[in-house]
Amino acid sequence: MKAALFREHGGAEKILYEDYRDPTIGAGEALVRVKACALNQVDMLLLDGRFPPPEGLPHVNGCEVTGTIEATGAGVTGLRPGQRVIVFPGFACGSCEYCVRGERTVCVRYGYLGAHKDGGYAELVKVPAANVLPLPEAISFESGAAVPLAMLTSWHALVAQAEVPDRPCWSRRPAAASGARRSRSRVSAAPASSRPSAPTTRSSSPDRWAPSGS
C-alpha cells in the first residue's frame, strides 16, 4: 500500500509518500480503508522527535480516521465490508484499576493510533474492532475525522466534566456543531458493548494494543 511516512525526525520535508508494508489483521481486529485522516498536534510532535514513536522508525502518523471496512479478523461481529466507520484512536489495557472502573482514557498503559501504532496516513490501517463505530451518512468522511480527538476532547470537558447542558450550537460554525451533535447522538445510542469507553469485547488480546514498553 501507499503511505505518508517518515524515516527520520525533522520537518515536513521528512515526510515520504511511498510503498509501505500492508497491515495484517488478527483476531478481534479490523482493517479500514482510509477515506480521511485529520492533522493533530501530536503528529507534529512525533515528526520532529519531541515525542518519538515508541515502536521506532519508520512510522506512519494519523490519529483521527474515518473510512470503510476492508476486512475483519476472527471473532469480529457487527462490522461488514464497505461499511462507513469512524475509529476511536485510544487503546487501553482493559485490566488496570482505571479500566476496571470504566475510566479507560486514563489507563496506565494508554496509547494512540498513529502514535504508539502506525496510523491513518496510509491507504489502509488496522485497529481493534472494539474501537470502530458506524459513521452516519449525514456526516462526511472529512467532518467525521475531526471528531475522535478534537471534538471529543471538547465534549468531554463540557459535558462529562463541567456538566454543561446541551446547547443548539457550541460553535461559530453551524455545520461543524451540527456534525458534532449528530455524532454524539450516534455514539450515545450505540450498545454499551460497542462503545469505545466500554470494556473491550471484540478483541481477544487488548494488551496487544497497549503502548510498547509497558
Foldseek 3Di string as FASTA:
>chain_A
DWFFWAFDADDPVRTDTDDDDDDDDEFQKFKFFFDDFDDDPVLNCCRNVVQPALVHDGAAATFWTWGFTCDHYPQDPDHDGGFTKTFQFKAAQCDDPCNVVLNRVVHPQIDGARRLHHHDRGRMDMDRQLRIDGDDPVADRHLRSCPNPNVVVVCCVQCVPVNPDDDCAPDPDNVSRVSNVVVVVRLVPDPLQSHSSHRDDRHPGSCVPGHPPD
